[in-house]
Structure formats: structure tokens, C-alpha cells
Amino acid sequence: MSNKKTRNKEEENLKITTIKLLEETKMRLEKLREHKRESYDDLLRKILYVLNVVREDPDKAKKILEKISELRKRMIAEELEQKKEQEKENKLE
């Protein structure tokens, strides 16, 4: 079976659910995003992964968290730069 067919078969077996979060929890999750389009499911999977790594290798988990922090800082800087460029373009129009 081709890779695409396998992936479609797996996706058919996945079920999507809704969970309720406090606004504060949502904001805290958003602070862990490495990029704008990262889903809450991706964020929660990342958190669970880090928690599992902490149990086995706390130093490795710390490195993962530092990398996430680095990527987050870079994303924020890029967003600010894009916002500044957009404001400049708007002023020129």
C-alpha cells in the first residue's frame, strides 16, 4: 500500500474531540507555540513528550525547552518585523 493510502486510512481512524480550557490555560499554551499555525493538539503533544523525556533524561528535556524558547523568541521577532513593515506600507498608501 502506498504511503498516501496508509496515511488516509490512519486519518479515518482518528476522532476529533473538543475540550474546555480556561482563558489563562489557552494563553499559556499559546506562549509555547513555535510558529503561528501550530495547533493546540501539537502543543499538547509537545508538552506530553517533554514530560516523558523529563522522567528519563532531565537534561535532554531542558535542552528541548531551551530550543522551544529560542524558536519562540525568533517567531515573536519575525512577527514584530512583519508588523512594522505592514505599518510602513499602510502609511505609504
PDB file of N, CA and C in Angstrom:
ATOM      1  N   MET A   1       0.842  -1.176   0.000  1.00  0.00           N
ATOM      2  CA  MET A   1       0.000   0.000   0.000  1.00  0.00           C
ATOM      3  C   MET A   1       0.889   1.241   0.000  1.00  0.00           C
ATOM      4  N   SER A   2       0.523   2.218  -0.775  1.00  0.00           N
ATOM      5  CA  SER A   2       1.334   3.431  -0.843  1.00  0.00           C
ATOM      6  C   SER A   2       1.253   4.213   0.461  1.00  0.00           C
ATOM      7  N   ASN A   3       2.244   5.086   0.642  1.00  0.00           N
ATOM      8  CA  ASN A   3       2.319   5.893   1.855  1.00  0.00           C
ATOM      9  C   ASN A   3       1.084   6.785   2.007  1.00  0.00           C
ATOM     10  N   LYS A   4       0.619   7.353   0.891  1.00  0.00           N
ATOM     11  CA  LYS A   4      -0.544   8.233   0.919  1.00  0.00           C
ATOM     12  C   LYS A   4      -1.800   7.460   1.330  1.00  0.00           C
ATOM     13  N   LYS A   5      -1.970   6.255   0.803  1.00  0.00           N
ATOM     14  CA  LYS A   5      -3.133   5.452   1.154  1.00  0.00           C
ATOM     15  C   LYS A   5      -3.097   5.054   2.621  1.00  0.00           C
ATOM     16  N   THR A   6      -1.909   4.740   3.127  1.00  0.00           N
ATOM     17  CA  THR A   6      -1.760   4.376   4.532  1.00  0.00           C
ATOM     18  C   THR A   6      -2.141   5.555   5.418  1.00  0.00           C
ATOM     19  N   ARG A   7      -1.656   6.740   5.065  1.00  0.00           N
ATOM     20  CA  ARG A   7      -1.941   7.940   5.835  1.00  0.00           C
ATOM     21  C   ARG A   7      -3.449   8.212   5.854  1.00  0.00           C
ATOM     22  N   ASN A   8      -4.135   8.074   4.704  1.00  0.00           N
ATOM     23  CA  ASN A   8      -5.572   8.316   4.646  1.00  0.00           C
ATOM     24  C   ASN A   8      -6.325   7.315   5.515  1.00  0.00           C
ATOM     25  N   LYS A   9      -5.882   6.076   5.508  1.00  0.00           N
ATOM     26  CA  LYS A   9      -6.510   5.037   6.318  1.00  0.00           C
ATOM     27  C   LYS A   9      -6.359   5.370   7.799  1.00  0.00           C
ATOM     28  N   GLU A  10      -5.173   5.830   8.207  1.00  0.00           N
ATOM     29  CA  GLU A  10      -4.933   6.213   9.603  1.00  0.00           C
ATOM     30  C   GLU A  10      -5.798   7.411   9.991  1.00  0.00           C
ATOM     31  N   GLU A  11      -5.926   8.380   9.094  1.00  0.00           N
ATOM     32  CA  GLU A  11      -6.715   9.573   9.379  1.00  0.00           C
ATOM     33  C   GLU A  11      -8.186   9.236   9.571  1.00  0.00           C
ATOM     34  N   GLU A  12      -8.675   8.221   8.867  1.00  0.00           N
ATOM     35  CA  GLU A  12     -10.063   7.809   9.013  1.00  0.00           C
ATOM     36  C   GLU A  12     -10.330   7.292  10.426  1.00  0.00           C
ATOM     37  N   ASN A  13      -9.329   6.693  11.061  1.00  0.00           N
ATOM     38  CA  ASN A  13      -9.480   6.122  12.392  1.00  0.00           C
ATOM     39  C   ASN A  13      -9.339   7.156  13.500  1.00  0.00           C
ATOM     40  N   LEU A  14      -8.889   8.360  13.171  1.00  0.00           N
ATOM     41  CA  LEU A  14      -8.719   9.400  14.172  1.00  0.00           C
ATOM     42  C   LEU A  14     -10.055  10.078  14.447  1.00  0.00           C
ATOM     43  N   LYS A  15     -10.295  10.321  15.708  1.00  0.00           N
ATOM     44  CA  LYS A  15     -11.501  11.040  16.084  1.00  0.00           C
ATOM     45  C   LYS A  15     -11.080  12.345  16.720  1.00  0.00           C
ATOM     46  N   ILE A  16     -11.840  13.387  16.440  1.00  0.00           N
ATOM     47  CA  ILE A  16     -11.542  14.713  16.976  1.00  0.00           C
ATOM     48  C   ILE A  16     -12.544  15.005  18.070  1.00  0.00           C
ATOM     49  N   THR A  17     -12.060  15.620  19.134  1.00  0.00           N
ATOM     50  CA  THR A  17     -12.916  15.965  20.261  1.00  0.00           C
ATOM     51  C   THR A  17     -12.700  17.425  20.637  1.00  0.00           C
ATOM     52  N   THR A  18     -13.543  17.921  21.488  1.00  0.00           N
ATOM     53  CA  THR A  18     -13.440  19.295  21.962  1.00  0.00           C
ATOM     54  C   THR A  18     -13.157  19.257  23.456  1.00  0.00           C
ATOM     55  N   ILE A  19     -12.265  20.122  23.900  1.00  0.00           N
ATOM     56  CA  ILE A  19     -12.008  20.240  25.336  1.00  0.00           C
ATOM     57  C   ILE A  19     -12.206  21.689  25.754  1.00  0.00           C
ATOM     58  N   LYS A  20     -12.593  21.880  26.986  1.00  0.00           N
ATOM     59  CA  LYS A  20     -12.772  23.233  27.513  1.00  0.00           C
ATOM     60  C   LYS A  20     -11.505  23.621  28.250  1.00  0.00           C
ATOM     61  N   LEU A  21     -11.057  24.842  27.998  1.00  0.00           N
ATOM     62  CA  LEU A  21      -9.875  25.380  28.667  1.00  0.00           C
ATOM     63  C   LEU A  21     -10.215  26.729  29.269  1.00  0.00           C
ATOM     64  N   LEU A  22      -9.618  27.006  30.397  1.00  0.00           N
ATOM     65  CA  LEU A  22      -9.708  28.359  30.926  1.00  0.00           C
ATOM     66  C   LEU A  22      -8.920  29.278  30.001  1.00  0.00           C
ATOM     67  N   GLU A  23      -9.326  30.535  29.936  1.00  0.00           N
ATOM     68  CA  GLU A  23      -8.627  31.506  29.083  1.00  0.00           C
ATOM     69  C   GLU A  23      -7.143  31.568  29.447  1.00  0.00           C
ATOM     70  N   GLU A  24      -6.843  31.520  30.753  1.00  0.00           N
ATOM     71  CA  GLU A  24      -5.447  31.554  31.202  1.00  0.00           C
ATOM     72  C   GLU A  24      -4.659  30.370  30.649  1.00  0.00           C
ATOM     73  N   THR A  25      -5.273  29.187  30.653  1.00  0.00           N
ATOM     74  CA  THR A  25      -4.607  27.990  30.121  1.00  0.00           C
ATOM     75  C   THR A  25      -4.341  28.145  28.641  1.00  0.00           C
ATOM     76  N   LYS A  26      -5.322  28.683  27.928  1.00  0.00           N
ATOM     77  CA  LYS A  26      -5.178  28.916  26.493  1.00  0.00           C
ATOM     78  C   LYS A  26      -4.009  29.864  26.219  1.00  0.00           C
ATOM     79  N   MET A  27      -3.924  30.932  26.994  1.00  0.00           N
ATOM     80  CA  MET A  27      -2.847  31.908  26.811  1.00  0.00           C
ATOM     81  C   MET A  27      -1.482  31.265  27.105  1.00  0.00           C
ATOM     82  N   ARG A  28      -1.439  30.432  28.128  1.00  0.00           N
ATOM     83  CA  ARG A  28      -0.183  29.757  28.466  1.00  0.00           C
ATOM     84  C   ARG A  28       0.230  28.800  27.358  1.00  0.00           C
ATOM     85  N   LEU A  29      -0.736  28.116  26.773  1.00  0.00           N
ATOM     86  CA  LEU A  29      -0.435  27.229  25.644  1.00  0.00           C
ATOM     87  C   LEU A  29       0.113  28.022  24.461  1.00  0.00           C
ATOM     88  N   GLU A  30      -0.502  29.161  24.202  1.00  0.00           N
ATOM     89  CA  GLU A  30      -0.067  29.985  23.075  1.00  0.00           C
ATOM     90  C   GLU A  30       1.373  30.469  23.256  1.00  0.00           C
ATOM     91  N   LYS A  31       1.811  30.620  24.488  1.00  0.00           N
ATOM     92  CA  LYS A  31       3.185  31.045  24.742  1.00  0.00           C
ATOM     93  C   LYS A  31       4.202  29.950  24.418  1.00  0.00           C
ATOM     94  N   LEU A  32       3.719  28.742  24.177  1.00  0.00           N
ATOM     95  CA  LEU A  32       4.614  27.633  23.828  1.00  0.00           C
ATOM     96  C   LEU A  32       4.699  27.400  22.317  1.00  0.00           C
ATOM     97  N   ARG A  33       3.923  28.160  21.567  1.00  0.00           N
ATOM     98  CA  ARG A  33       3.939  27.981  20.111  1.00  0.00           C
ATOM     99  C   ARG A  33       5.293  28.334  19.527  1.00  0.00           C
ATOM    100  N   GLU A  34       5.741  27.486  18.598  1.00  0.00           N
ATOM    101  CA  GLU A  34       6.981  27.754  17.872  1.00  0.00           C
ATOM    102  C   GLU A  34       6.694  28.457  16.550  1.00  0.00           C
ATOM    103  N   HIS A  35       5.476  28.326  16.074  1.00  0.00           N
ATOM    104  CA  HIS A  35       5.054  29.017  14.859  1.00  0.00           C
ATOM    105  C   HIS A  35       3.558  29.263  14.925  1.00  0.00           C
ATOM    106  N   LYS A  36       3.087  30.220  14.146  1.00  0.00           N
ATOM    107  CA  LYS A  36       1.694  30.677  14.213  1.00  0.00           C
ATOM    108  C   LYS A  36       0.670  29.576  14.013  1.00  0.00           C
ATOM    109  N   ARG A  37       0.951  28.676  13.111  1.00  0.00           N
ATOM    110  CA  ARG A  37      -0.044  27.678  12.728  1.00  0.00           C
ATOM    111  C   ARG A  37       0.024  26.390  13.552  1.00  0.00           C
ATOM    112  N   GLU A  38       0.794  26.393  14.614  1.00  0.00           N
ATOM    113  CA  GLU A  38       0.886  25.205  15.459  1.00  0.00           C
ATOM    114  C   GLU A  38      -0.435  25.021  16.206  1.00  0.00           C
ATOM    115  N   SER A  39      -1.019  23.846  16.093  1.00  0.00           N
ATOM    116  CA  SER A  39      -2.331  23.591  16.689  1.00  0.00           C
ATOM    117  C   SER A  39      -2.213  23.309  18.187  1.00  0.00           C
ATOM    118  N   TYR A  40      -3.342  23.398  18.867  1.00  0.00           N
ATOM    119  CA  TYR A  40      -3.349  23.057  20.287  1.00  0.00           C
ATOM    120  C   TYR A  40      -3.016  21.578  20.478  1.00  0.00           C
ATOM    121  N   ASP A  41      -3.448  20.748  19.565  1.00  0.00           N
ATOM    122  CA  ASP A  41      -3.092  19.333  19.638  1.00  0.00           C
ATOM    123  C   ASP A  41      -1.577  19.164  19.563  1.00  0.00           C
ATOM    124  N   ASP A  42      -0.946  19.888  18.641  1.00  0.00           N
ATOM    125  CA  ASP A  42       0.521  19.838  18.536  1.00  0.00           C
ATOM    126  C   ASP A  42       1.182  20.292  19.835  1.00  0.00           C
ATOM    127  N   LEU A  43       0.654  21.368  20.409  1.00  0.00           N
ATOM    128  CA  LEU A  43       1.215  21.903  21.657  1.00  0.00           C
ATOM    129  C   LEU A  43       1.085  20.894  22.798  1.00  0.00           C
ATOM    130  N   LEU A  44      -0.097  20.303  22.918  1.00  0.00           N
ATOM    131  CA  LEU A  44      -0.300  19.331  23.996  1.00  0.00           C
ATOM    132  C   LEU A  44       0.563  18.088  23.803  1.00  0.00           C
ATOM    133  N   ARG A  45       0.722  17.652  22.566  1.00  0.00           N
ATOM    134  CA  ARG A  45       1.608  16.510  22.292  1.00  0.00           C
ATOM    135  C   ARG A  45       3.052  16.850  22.650  1.00  0.00           C
ATOM    136  N   LYS A  46       3.449  18.078  22.353  1.00  0.00           N
ATOM    137  CA  LYS A  46       4.804  18.523  22.678  1.00  0.00           C
ATOM    138  C   LYS A  46       5.003  18.514  24.195  1.00  0.00           C
ATOM    139  N   ILE A  47       4.020  19.029  24.922  1.00  0.00           N
ATOM    140  CA  ILE A  47       4.097  19.057  26.387  1.00  0.00           C
ATOM    141  C   ILE A  47       4.209  17.636  26.940  1.00  0.00           C
ATOM    142  N   LEU A  48       3.372  16.740  26.437  1.00  0.00           N
ATOM    143  CA  LEU A  48       3.417  15.352  26.907  1.00  0.00           C
ATOM    144  C   LEU A  48       4.754  14.704  26.590  1.00  0.00           C
ATOM    145  N   TYR A  49       5.294  15.001  25.416  1.00  0.00           N
ATOM    146  CA  TYR A  49       6.608  14.471  25.038  1.00  0.00           C
ATOM    147  C   TYR A  49       7.679  14.952  26.018  1.00  0.00           C
ATOM    148  N   VAL A  50       7.688  16.250  26.302  1.00  0.00           N
ATOM    149  CA  VAL A  50       8.690  16.811  27.214  1.00  0.00           C
ATOM    150  C   VAL A  50       8.539  16.193  28.604  1.00  0.00           C
ATOM    151  N   LEU A  51       7.305  16.022  29.056  1.00  0.00           N
ATOM    152  CA  LEU A  51       7.087  15.402  30.368  1.00  0.00           C
ATOM    153  C   LEU A  51       7.659  13.983  30.417  1.00  0.00           C
ATOM    154  N   ASN A  52       7.466  13.241  29.355  1.00  0.00           N
ATOM    155  CA  ASN A  52       8.014  11.885  29.307  1.00  0.00           C
ATOM    156  C   ASN A  52       9.536  11.906  29.284  1.00  0.00           C
ATOM    157  N   VAL A  53      10.114  12.851  28.567  1.00  0.00           N
ATOM    158  CA  VAL A  53      11.571  12.964  28.499  1.00  0.00           C
ATOM    159  C   VAL A  53      12.130  13.354  29.868  1.00  0.00           C
ATOM    160  N   VAL A  54      11.437  14.234  30.590  1.00  0.00           N
ATOM    161  CA  VAL A  54      11.895  14.669  31.915  1.00  0.00           C
ATOM    162  C   VAL A  54      12.098  13.465  32.828  1.00  0.00           C
ATOM    163  N   ARG A  55      11.209  12.519  32.743  1.00  0.00           N
ATOM    164  CA  ARG A  55      11.309  11.325  33.596  1.00  0.00           C
ATOM    165  C   ARG A  55      12.593  10.547  33.330  1.00  0.00           C
ATOM    166  N   GLU A  56      12.982  10.481  32.076  1.00  0.00           N
ATOM    167  CA  GLU A  56      14.135   9.666  31.699  1.00  0.00           C
ATOM    168  C   GLU A  56      15.440  10.442  31.647  1.00  0.00           C
ATOM    169  N   ASP A  57      15.365  11.698  31.190  1.00  0.00           N
ATOM    170  CA  ASP A  57      16.592  12.472  30.984  1.00  0.00           C
ATOM    171  C   ASP A  57      16.301  13.969  31.149  1.00  0.00           C
ATOM    172  N   PRO A  58      16.330  14.453  32.393  1.00  0.00           N
ATOM    173  CA  PRO A  58      16.004  15.869  32.647  1.00  0.00           C
ATOM    174  C   PRO A  58      16.873  16.851  31.858  1.00  0.00           C
ATOM    175  N   ASP A  59      18.129  16.527  31.633  1.00  0.00           N
ATOM    176  CA  ASP A  59      18.997  17.432  30.874  1.00  0.00           C
ATOM    177  C   ASP A  59      18.529  17.560  29.425  1.00  0.00           C
ATOM    178  N   LYS A  60      18.122  16.453  28.854  1.00  0.00           N
ATOM    179  CA  LYS A  60      17.610  16.486  27.477  1.00  0.00           C
ATOM    180  C   LYS A  60      16.327  17.317  27.418  1.00  0.00           C
ATOM    181  N   ALA A  61      15.464  17.152  28.412  1.00  0.00           N
ATOM    182  CA  ALA A  61      14.217  17.923  28.455  1.00  0.00           C
ATOM    183  C   ALA A  61      14.517  19.413  28.558  1.00  0.00           C
ATOM    184  N   LYS A  62      15.506  19.762  29.355  1.00  0.00           N
ATOM    185  CA  LYS A  62      15.885  21.176  29.498  1.00  0.00           C
ATOM    186  C   LYS A  62      16.345  21.736  28.157  1.00  0.00           C
ATOM    187  N   LYS A  63      17.121  20.958  27.409  1.00  0.00           N
ATOM    188  CA  LYS A  63      17.571  21.409  26.083  1.00  0.00           C
ATOM    189  C   LYS A  63      16.394  21.604  25.137  1.00  0.00           C
ATOM    190  N   ILE A  64      15.427  20.709  25.208  1.00  0.00           N
ATOM    191  CA  ILE A  64      14.232  20.826  24.362  1.00  0.00           C
ATOM    192  C   ILE A  64      13.496  22.122  24.694  1.00  0.00           C
ATOM    193  N   LEU A  65      13.323  22.386  25.985  1.00  0.00           N
ATOM    194  CA  LEU A  65      12.628  23.604  26.401  1.00  0.00           C
ATOM    195  C   LEU A  65      13.393  24.861  25.998  1.00  0.00           C
ATOM    196  N   GLU A  66      14.710  24.806  26.070  1.00  0.00           N
ATOM    197  CA  GLU A  66      15.522  25.955  25.643  1.00  0.00           C
ATOM    198  C   GLU A  66      15.366  26.189  24.145  1.00  0.00           C
ATOM    199  N   LYS A  67      15.312  25.103  23.377  1.00  0.00           N
ATOM    200  CA  LYS A  67      15.131  25.230  21.924  1.00  0.00           C
ATOM    201  C   LYS A  67      13.755  25.834  21.617  1.00  0.00           C
ATOM    202  N   ILE A  68      12.737  25.380  22.328  1.00  0.00           N
ATOM    203  CA  ILE A  68      11.394  25.930  22.140  1.00  0.00           C
ATOM    204  C   ILE A  68      11.409  27.430  22.439  1.00  0.00           C
ATOM    205  N   SER A  69      12.070  27.805  23.519  1.00  0.00           N
ATOM    206  CA  SER A  69      12.156  29.212  23.907  1.00  0.00           C
ATOM    207  C   SER A  69      12.861  30.035  22.830  1.00  0.00           C
ATOM    208  N   GLU A  70      13.946  29.489  22.287  1.00  0.00           N
ATOM    209  CA  GLU A  70      14.679  30.167  21.205  1.00  0.00           C
ATOM    210  C   GLU A  70      13.795  30.381  19.985  1.00  0.00           C
ATOM    211  N   LEU A  71      13.116  29.314  19.577  1.00  0.00           N
ATOM    212  CA  LEU A  71      12.249  29.393  18.399  1.00  0.00           C
ATOM    213  C   LEU A  71      11.106  30.378  18.638  1.00  0.00           C
ATOM    214  N   ARG A  72      10.593  30.388  19.843  1.00  0.00           N
ATOM    215  CA  ARG A  72       9.510  31.315  20.195  1.00  0.00           C
ATOM    216  C   ARG A  72       9.977  32.763  20.098  1.00  0.00           C
ATOM    217  N   LYS A  73      11.164  33.034  20.619  1.00  0.00           N
ATOM    218  CA  LYS A  73      11.721  34.393  20.537  1.00  0.00           C
ATOM    219  C   LYS A  73      11.898  34.810  19.087  1.00  0.00           C
ATOM    220  N   ARG A  74      12.377  33.897  18.268  1.00  0.00           N
ATOM    221  CA  ARG A  74      12.573  34.187  16.848  1.00  0.00           C
ATOM    222  C   ARG A  74      11.230  34.467  16.170  1.00  0.00           C
ATOM    223  N   MET A  75      10.210  33.682  16.507  1.00  0.00           N
ATOM    224  CA  MET A  75       8.891  33.876  15.915  1.00  0.00           C
ATOM    225  C   MET A  75       8.335  35.251  16.295  1.00  0.00           C
ATOM    226  N   ILE A  76       8.474  35.626  17.555  1.00  0.00           N
ATOM    227  CA  ILE A  76       7.974  36.934  18.016  1.00  0.00           C
ATOM    228  C   ILE A  76       8.705  38.068  17.306  1.00  0.00           C
ATOM    229  N   ALA A  77      10.025  37.933  17.164  1.00  0.00           N
ATOM    230  CA  ALA A  77      10.807  38.961  16.474  1.00  0.00           C
ATOM    231  C   ALA A  77      10.358  39.091  15.022  1.00  0.00           C
ATOM    232  N   GLU A  78      10.117  37.955  14.363  1.00  0.00           N
ATOM    233  CA  GLU A  78       9.658  37.981  12.966  1.00  0.00           C
ATOM    234  C   GLU A  78       8.280  38.623  12.865  1.00  0.00           C
ATOM    235  N   GLU A  79       7.395  38.319  13.805  1.00  0.00           N
ATOM    236  CA  GLU A  79       6.058  38.914  13.797  1.00  0.00           C
ATOM    237  C   GLU A  79       6.134  40.425  13.974  1.00  0.00           C
ATOM    238  N   LEU A  80       6.999  40.879  14.878  1.00  0.00           N
ATOM    239  CA  LEU A  80       7.167  42.321  15.086  1.00  0.00           C
ATOM    240  C   LEU A  80       7.700  42.996  13.832  1.00  0.00           C
ATOM    241  N   GLU A  81       8.658  42.363  13.189  1.00  0.00           N
ATOM    242  CA  GLU A  81       9.233  42.907  11.957  1.00  0.00           C
ATOM    243  C   GLU A  81       8.166  42.992  10.864  1.00  0.00           C
ATOM    244  N   GLN A  82       7.357  41.940  10.741  1.00  0.00           N
ATOM    245  CA  GLN A  82       6.284  41.948   9.745  1.00  0.00           C
ATOM    246  C   GLN A  82       5.269  43.050  10.039  1.00  0.00           C
ATOM    247  N   LYS A  83       4.969  43.226  11.317  1.00  0.00           N
ATOM    248  CA  LYS A  83       4.016  44.260  11.714  1.00  0.00           C
ATOM    249  C   LYS A  83       4.553  45.651  11.368  1.00  0.00           C
ATOM    250  N   LYS A  84       5.841  45.882  11.621  1.00  0.00           N
ATOM    251  CA  LYS A  84       6.460  47.165  11.290  1.00  0.00           C
ATOM    252  C   LYS A  84       6.429  47.407   9.785  1.00  0.00           C
ATOM    253  N   GLU A  85       6.747  46.386   9.013  1.00  0.00           N
ATOM    254  CA  GLU A  85       6.726  46.524   7.553  1.00  0.00           C
ATOM    255  C   GLU A  85       5.314  46.818   7.059  1.00  0.00           C
ATOM    256  N   GLN A  86       4.322  46.140   7.651  1.00  0.00           N
ATOM    257  CA  GLN A  86       2.931  46.366   7.265  1.00  0.00           C
ATOM    258  C   GLN A  86       2.514  47.801   7.575  1.00  0.00           C
ATOM    259  N   GLU A  87       2.932  48.305   8.740  1.00  0.00           N
ATOM    260  CA  GLU A  87       2.597  49.676   9.120  1.00  0.00           C
ATOM    261  C   GLU A  87       3.233  50.670   8.161  1.00  0.00           C
ATOM    262  N   LYS A  88       4.465  50.404   7.731  1.00  0.00           N
ATOM    263  CA  LYS A  88       5.152  51.282   6.757  1.00  0.00           C
ATOM    264  C   LYS A  88       4.404  51.287   5.433  1.00  0.00           C
ATOM    265  N   GLU A  89       3.982  50.103   4.992  1.00  0.00           N
ATOM    266  CA  GLU A  89       3.241  50.003   3.735  1.00  0.00           C
ATOM    267  C   GLU A  89       1.914  50.736   3.823  1.00  0.00           C
ATOM    268  N   ASN A  90       1.247  50.623   4.971  1.00  0.00           N
ATOM    269  CA  ASN A  90      -0.040  51.290   5.157  1.00  0.00           C
ATOM    270  C   ASN A  90       0.123  52.814   5.119  1.00  0.00           C
ATOM    271  N   LYS A  91       1.229  53.313   5.666  1.00  0.00           N
ATOM    272  CA  LYS A  91       1.474  54.754   5.667  1.00  0.00           C
ATOM    273  C   LYS A  91       1.734  55.265   4.264  1.00  0.00           C
ATOM    274  N   LEU A  92       2.362  54.439   3.420  1.00  0.00           N
ATOM    275  CA  LEU A  92       2.662  54.844   2.058  1.00  0.00           C
ATOM    276  C   LEU A  92       1.423  54.883   1.173  1.00  0.00           C
ATOM    277  N   GLU A  93       0.403  54.166   1.532  1.00  0.00           N
ATOM    278  CA  GLU A  93      -0.825  54.097   0.701  1.00  0.00           C
ATOM    279  C   GLU A  93      -1.704  55.255   0.868  1.00  0.00           C
TER     280      GLU A  93
END
